[in-house]
Amino acid sequence: MPFAIPKDSYAGKINSLTFGSGDKAVTIGGENGLPFLSFESSIPNRPAIALEIQDVAPSDWPDTVRKVYDGVSGSPASWAKFCQDSLGAKIVALRLVGTHPDREDRSVDDAVKTVNEVLSAVDVPVMILGSGHIEKDGQVLKAAAEAAKGKECILGKAQEENYRTIVTAAIANNHKLIAMSQLDVNLAKQLNILVTQMGFNKDNIIMDPMSSALGYGIEYTYSVMERIRQAALVQNDPMMQTPLLCDIGPNVWKTKESAAPESELPEWGSLEERGIVWESVTAATMIMAGCNLLIMRHPKAVETVNKLVGELM
């Protein structure tokens, strides 16, 4: 008697979301089943990866990843172009960390200038991320959204404390939106509801439930994402059917495993190799949990994850 693979079917489907313009636009989402189970579901779009750049040189990054961008990280436009032309990045994620009051407290005008320079330097889709400061991000992202009008960027991150300003800017300038909550399924759903109540199309939302690094709470992150995907696909909850984002770079590259010198822990092996492995395994775990879009830092880790995705697809 031949063996028949048992198959499940799902009531829901993840929204497809396209960002960027022209032939370089990227589409994520669209699957109607759990990650990579192509024998029982349709997976039209592979998880996408953005390379992170910043508006200031990354002095707080470990040397093993910072040295990759030596010579270009002093200029966001040059950095973006290097990622696109030399590293083959399909998406660039610009993080405006220099606008944070505790960093360089750069002005809104400075942020707009940086956004314009980066958009002029590349033709791949651009994500525009704030510094994480609730009040300042509202001001910065509003102006950045206006500067990037017509480019169909991803704007973020909107949180419960500042989403109104950012949502309004995204609607007015035709951008997609990252809605970030604090590792809680109910909070994630509630924020999506609040965003759509302002008239924002739910099909243009990317959910960031927050992520963590390997060895630093990744199991909890995984379980939250798993529950979000179950709600979307099994329970057919339209407010949970948005693509998922995992912004892993800041978490991975501050871990002891990716930063501790070989002289202190020689038994751990090559510092550069373990940093790349730490980002690769963290990213792989996130895509297994249902992540549709990753933000990463080391190009060798990106290469590893892209190879894995190709095999799984």
Protein backbone atom coordinates (compact mmCIF):
# COMPACT_ATOMS: atom_id res chain seq x y z
CA MET A 1 0.00 0.00 0.00
CA PRO A 2 1.58 3.31 -1.05
CA PHE A 3 2.34 5.88 1.61
CA ALA A 4 0.24 9.04 1.45
CA ILE A 5 1.73 12.12 3.07
CA PRO A 6 -0.81 13.50 5.56
CA LYS A 7 -1.76 17.05 4.65
CA ASP A 8 -3.43 19.86 6.55
CA SER A 9 -5.40 22.67 5.00
CA TYR A 10 -5.73 26.17 6.42
CA ALA A 11 -8.64 28.57 6.42
CA GLY A 12 -6.50 31.70 6.25
CA LYS A 13 -3.82 33.21 4.05
CA ILE A 14 -0.99 35.70 4.68
CA ASN A 15 -1.38 38.99 2.82
CA SER A 16 0.94 39.66 -0.12
CA LEU A 17 2.76 42.96 0.22
CA THR A 18 4.84 44.67 -2.48
CA PHE A 19 7.17 47.59 -1.78
CA GLY A 20 9.62 49.55 -3.85
CA SER A 21 9.01 50.64 -7.42
CA GLY A 22 9.74 49.42 -10.91
CA ASP A 23 11.39 46.10 -11.70
CA LYS A 24 13.29 46.12 -8.39
CA ALA A 25 10.10 45.97 -6.30
CA VAL A 26 9.94 43.12 -3.77
CA THR A 27 6.89 41.07 -2.80
CA ILE A 28 6.63 39.14 0.46
CA GLY A 29 3.91 37.03 2.03
CA GLY A 30 1.08 35.36 0.13
CA GLU A 31 1.45 31.86 1.62
CA ASN A 32 -1.57 29.85 2.73
CA GLY A 33 0.24 27.42 4.99
CA LEU A 34 3.03 27.08 7.53
CA PRO A 35 6.63 27.92 6.59
CA PHE A 36 8.13 25.83 3.77
CA LEU A 37 5.43 23.10 3.85
CA SER A 38 5.06 23.36 0.09
CA PHE A 39 3.65 19.84 -0.19
CA GLU A 40 0.40 21.04 1.37
CA SER A 41 0.31 24.78 0.64
CA SER A 42 1.35 27.50 -1.78
CA ILE A 43 4.42 29.60 -0.98
CA PRO A 44 4.61 32.14 -3.81
CA ASN A 45 7.29 34.41 -2.33
CA ARG A 46 10.49 33.55 -0.52
CA PRO A 47 11.49 35.36 2.68
CA ALA A 48 13.37 38.56 1.81
CA ILE A 49 16.47 40.03 3.45
CA ALA A 50 17.43 43.68 3.85
CA LEU A 51 20.98 44.80 4.64
CA GLU A 52 21.10 47.42 7.36
CA ILE A 53 22.85 50.77 6.97
CA GLN A 54 22.87 53.76 9.32
CA ASP A 55 22.99 57.52 9.10
CA VAL A 56 26.12 57.52 11.29
CA ALA A 57 29.19 55.30 11.24
CA PRO A 58 28.44 52.19 13.37
CA SER A 59 30.91 52.71 16.19
CA ASP A 60 28.97 50.32 18.43
CA TRP A 61 29.18 47.38 16.00
CA PRO A 62 31.84 44.69 16.59
CA ASP A 63 34.91 45.01 14.37
CA THR A 64 34.09 41.73 12.63
CA VAL A 65 31.00 43.23 10.99
CA ARG A 66 32.05 46.89 10.97
CA LYS A 67 35.18 46.20 8.91
CA VAL A 68 33.03 44.88 6.05
CA TYR A 69 31.87 48.45 5.50
CA ASP A 70 35.17 50.27 6.06
CA GLY A 71 35.52 53.12 3.61
CA VAL A 72 31.79 53.51 2.96
CA SER A 73 30.05 53.61 6.36
CA GLY A 74 30.90 57.29 6.83
CA SER A 75 28.45 58.15 4.04
CA PRO A 76 24.96 56.58 4.09
CA ALA A 77 24.62 57.01 0.32
CA SER A 78 27.96 55.30 -0.37
CA TRP A 79 27.10 52.58 2.12
CA ALA A 80 23.74 51.95 0.46
CA LYS A 81 25.31 51.84 -3.00
CA PHE A 82 27.98 49.41 -1.78
CA CYS A 83 25.29 47.10 -0.40
CA GLN A 84 23.39 47.21 -3.68
CA ASP A 85 26.24 47.06 -6.20
CA SER A 86 28.95 45.07 -4.40
CA LEU A 87 26.97 42.87 -2.01
CA GLY A 88 23.89 42.29 -4.15
CA ALA A 89 21.40 43.57 -1.60
CA LYS A 90 17.81 43.42 -2.82
CA ILE A 91 16.63 45.77 -0.04
CA VAL A 92 18.41 48.43 2.01
CA ALA A 93 17.23 49.26 5.53
CA LEU A 94 18.26 52.78 6.58
CA ARG A 95 18.25 53.20 10.36
CA LEU A 96 18.32 56.84 11.47
CA VAL A 97 20.08 56.14 14.78
CA GLY A 98 21.84 59.51 14.72
CA THR A 99 18.54 61.28 15.40
CA HIS A 100 18.24 59.71 18.87
CA PRO A 101 18.61 62.36 21.60
CA ASP A 102 21.13 60.15 23.39
CA ARG A 103 23.24 59.64 20.28
CA GLU A 104 23.94 62.69 18.08
CA ASP A 105 20.44 64.19 18.32
CA ARG A 106 20.49 64.94 14.61
CA SER A 107 17.72 67.18 13.37
CA VAL A 108 14.72 66.32 11.23
CA ASP A 109 16.36 68.25 8.38
CA ASP A 110 19.49 66.10 8.72
CA ALA A 111 17.35 62.98 8.51
CA VAL A 112 15.57 64.22 5.39
CA LYS A 113 18.90 64.99 3.74
CA THR A 114 20.14 61.48 4.48
CA VAL A 115 16.95 59.87 3.17
CA ASN A 116 17.16 61.85 -0.07
CA GLU A 117 20.82 60.92 -0.56
CA VAL A 118 20.18 57.22 -0.04
CA LEU A 119 17.15 57.18 -2.32
CA SER A 120 19.20 58.87 -5.04
CA ALA A 121 22.05 56.39 -4.66
CA VAL A 122 20.11 53.13 -5.10
CA ASP A 123 17.16 51.77 -7.04
CA VAL A 124 16.37 48.81 -4.78
CA PRO A 125 13.55 49.23 -2.22
CA VAL A 126 14.44 51.19 0.90
CA MET A 127 13.18 50.73 4.44
CA ILE A 128 13.28 53.86 6.61
CA LEU A 129 13.63 53.12 10.31
CA GLY A 130 13.69 55.54 13.21
CA SER A 131 16.09 55.47 16.15
CA GLY A 132 13.64 53.84 18.55
CA HIS A 133 12.96 57.05 20.48
CA ILE A 134 9.17 57.32 20.66
CA GLU A 135 8.79 61.11 20.48
CA LYS A 136 11.65 61.83 18.06
CA ASP A 137 10.65 59.03 15.68
CA GLY A 138 7.25 60.61 15.17
CA GLN A 139 8.86 63.84 13.97
CA VAL A 140 11.62 62.19 11.95
CA LEU A 141 9.51 59.59 10.19
CA LYS A 142 6.82 62.11 9.27
CA ALA A 143 9.39 64.23 7.43
CA ALA A 144 11.17 61.19 5.97
CA ALA A 145 7.90 59.86 4.59
CA GLU A 146 7.28 63.13 2.79
CA ALA A 147 10.81 63.15 1.36
CA ALA A 148 10.38 59.58 0.06
CA LYS A 149 6.95 60.11 -1.48
CA GLY A 150 6.51 58.03 -4.63
CA LYS A 151 9.15 55.45 -3.65
CA GLU A 152 6.74 53.09 -1.82
CA CYS A 153 9.14 52.55 1.07
CA ILE A 154 8.57 50.66 4.29
CA LEU A 155 8.25 53.10 7.18
CA GLY A 156 8.74 52.21 10.82
CA LYS A 157 8.46 51.46 13.46
CA ALA A 158 5.03 52.54 14.60
CA GLN A 159 4.32 51.73 18.25
CA GLU A 160 1.28 52.23 20.43
CA GLU A 161 2.70 55.48 21.82
CA ASN A 162 3.39 57.16 18.45
CA TYR A 163 1.50 55.27 15.75
CA ARG A 164 -0.95 58.08 14.91
CA THR A 165 1.69 60.43 13.49
CA ILE A 166 3.51 57.69 11.59
CA VAL A 167 0.34 56.13 10.18
CA THR A 168 -0.86 59.52 8.96
CA ALA A 169 2.48 60.08 7.21
CA ALA A 170 2.41 56.62 5.63
CA ILE A 171 -1.12 57.15 4.28
CA ALA A 172 -0.36 60.61 2.91
CA ASN A 173 2.79 59.47 1.11
CA ASN A 174 1.82 55.95 0.03
CA HIS A 175 4.25 53.91 2.11
CA LYS A 176 4.00 50.53 3.81
CA LEU A 177 4.13 50.42 7.60
CA ILE A 178 5.89 48.41 10.30
CA ALA A 179 3.71 47.99 13.39
CA MET A 180 5.84 46.93 16.37
CA SER A 181 4.54 45.46 19.62
CA GLN A 182 6.25 44.05 22.70
CA LEU A 183 6.35 40.24 22.29
CA ASP A 184 2.64 39.74 22.94
CA VAL A 185 0.10 38.29 20.52
CA ASN A 186 -2.79 40.36 21.86
CA LEU A 187 -0.79 43.60 21.76
CA ALA A 188 0.22 42.87 18.16
CA LYS A 189 -3.38 42.39 17.13
CA GLN A 190 -4.54 45.45 19.05
CA LEU A 191 -1.98 47.68 17.35
CA ASN A 192 -3.03 46.41 13.92
CA ILE A 193 -6.63 47.22 14.79
CA LEU A 194 -5.71 50.74 15.94
CA VAL A 195 -3.73 51.33 12.74
CA THR A 196 -6.56 50.19 10.46
CA GLN A 197 -9.09 52.26 12.40
CA MET A 198 -7.19 55.31 11.13
CA GLY A 199 -7.95 54.24 7.57
CA PHE A 200 -4.67 52.45 6.83
CA ASN A 201 -5.03 49.43 4.55
CA LYS A 202 -4.29 46.28 6.55
CA ASP A 203 -2.71 44.76 3.44
CA ASN A 204 0.11 47.33 3.76
CA ILE A 205 1.06 46.44 7.35
CA ILE A 206 4.13 44.44 8.32
CA MET A 207 4.02 43.15 11.86
CA ASP A 208 7.15 43.30 14.04
CA PRO A 209 6.43 41.27 17.18
CA MET A 210 10.03 41.97 18.31
CA SER A 211 12.76 39.39 17.95
CA SER A 212 15.76 38.20 19.92
CA ALA A 213 19.08 36.51 19.32
CA LEU A 214 20.05 32.88 19.63
CA GLY A 215 20.57 32.10 23.32
CA TYR A 216 18.87 35.30 24.46
CA GLY A 217 15.16 34.53 24.53
CA ILE A 218 14.73 33.23 20.99
CA GLU A 219 12.38 30.48 22.20
CA TYR A 220 9.91 33.05 23.50
CA THR A 221 10.09 35.03 20.27
CA TYR A 222 9.51 31.85 18.29
CA SER A 223 6.46 30.90 20.33
CA VAL A 224 4.89 34.36 19.91
CA MET A 225 5.42 34.25 16.14
CA GLU A 226 4.08 30.69 16.03
CA ARG A 227 0.89 31.77 17.80
CA ILE A 228 0.50 34.72 15.42
CA ARG A 229 0.79 32.39 12.42
CA GLN A 230 -1.69 29.93 13.94
CA ALA A 231 -4.18 32.75 14.49
CA ALA A 232 -3.74 33.91 10.89
CA LEU A 233 -3.93 30.53 9.18
CA VAL A 234 -5.98 28.25 11.42
CA GLN A 235 -8.33 30.79 12.98
CA ASN A 236 -8.45 32.93 9.83
CA ASP A 237 -8.03 36.15 11.82
CA PRO A 238 -7.65 38.99 9.28
CA MET A 239 -5.84 41.22 11.78
CA MET A 240 -3.06 38.64 12.14
CA GLN A 241 -2.55 37.89 8.45
CA THR A 242 0.14 40.48 7.84
CA PRO A 243 3.71 39.53 6.85
CA LEU A 244 6.19 39.33 9.74
CA LEU A 245 9.42 41.30 10.15
CA CYS A 246 12.43 40.28 12.26
CA ASP A 247 15.00 43.02 12.88
CA ILE A 248 17.77 40.79 14.21
CA GLY A 249 20.99 42.77 13.68
CA PRO A 250 20.89 44.90 16.85
CA ASN A 251 20.19 41.83 18.98
CA VAL A 252 22.72 39.46 17.44
CA TRP A 253 25.73 41.76 17.31
CA LYS A 254 25.57 42.79 20.95
CA THR A 255 25.72 39.22 22.28
CA LYS A 256 28.80 37.97 24.07
CA GLU A 257 29.19 35.20 21.51
CA SER A 258 29.49 37.64 18.61
CA ALA A 259 31.69 40.20 20.38
CA ALA A 260 33.92 38.53 23.00
CA PRO A 261 37.59 38.50 21.85
CA GLU A 262 39.32 35.21 21.07
CA SER A 263 41.99 36.10 23.63
CA GLU A 264 39.36 35.90 26.39
CA LEU A 265 37.57 32.80 25.13
CA PRO A 266 39.89 30.88 22.81
CA GLU A 267 37.80 27.72 23.23
CA TRP A 268 34.96 29.43 21.39
CA GLY A 269 37.00 29.57 18.18
CA SER A 270 37.17 32.31 15.55
CA LEU A 271 35.35 35.47 16.60
CA GLU A 272 34.39 36.36 13.02
CA GLU A 273 33.05 32.89 12.27
CA ARG A 274 30.97 32.65 15.43
CA GLY A 275 29.43 36.08 14.83
CA ILE A 276 28.38 35.05 11.34
CA VAL A 277 27.04 31.74 12.66
CA TRP A 278 25.12 33.53 15.43
CA GLU A 279 23.36 35.80 12.93
CA SER A 280 22.77 32.95 10.45
CA VAL A 281 21.21 30.61 13.01
CA THR A 282 19.09 33.40 14.51
CA ALA A 283 17.81 34.31 11.03
CA ALA A 284 17.15 30.68 10.12
CA THR A 285 15.13 30.21 13.31
CA MET A 286 13.04 33.27 12.55
CA ILE A 287 12.14 32.16 9.03
CA MET A 288 11.14 28.76 10.39
CA ALA A 289 8.76 30.61 12.71
CA GLY A 290 7.16 32.42 9.77
CA CYS A 291 9.27 35.55 9.25
CA ASN A 292 8.79 37.10 5.78
CA LEU A 293 11.34 39.91 5.99
CA LEU A 294 14.68 39.99 7.83
CA ILE A 295 17.00 42.91 8.56
CA MET A 296 20.59 41.67 8.83
CA ARG A 297 24.13 43.07 8.97
CA HIS A 298 26.82 40.63 7.83
CA PRO A 299 26.77 39.76 4.10
CA LYS A 300 28.20 36.27 4.74
CA ALA A 301 25.32 35.53 7.09
CA VAL A 302 22.91 36.79 4.44
CA GLU A 303 24.55 34.51 1.89
CA THR A 304 24.16 31.51 4.22
CA VAL A 305 20.50 32.21 4.90
CA ASN A 306 19.72 32.79 1.23
CA LYS A 307 21.26 29.41 0.42
CA LEU A 308 19.14 27.76 3.12
CA VAL A 309 15.97 29.42 1.84
CA GLY A 310 16.76 28.28 -1.69
CA GLU A 311 17.07 24.68 -0.50
CA LEU A 312 13.88 24.86 1.55
CA MET A 313 11.89 26.41 -1.27
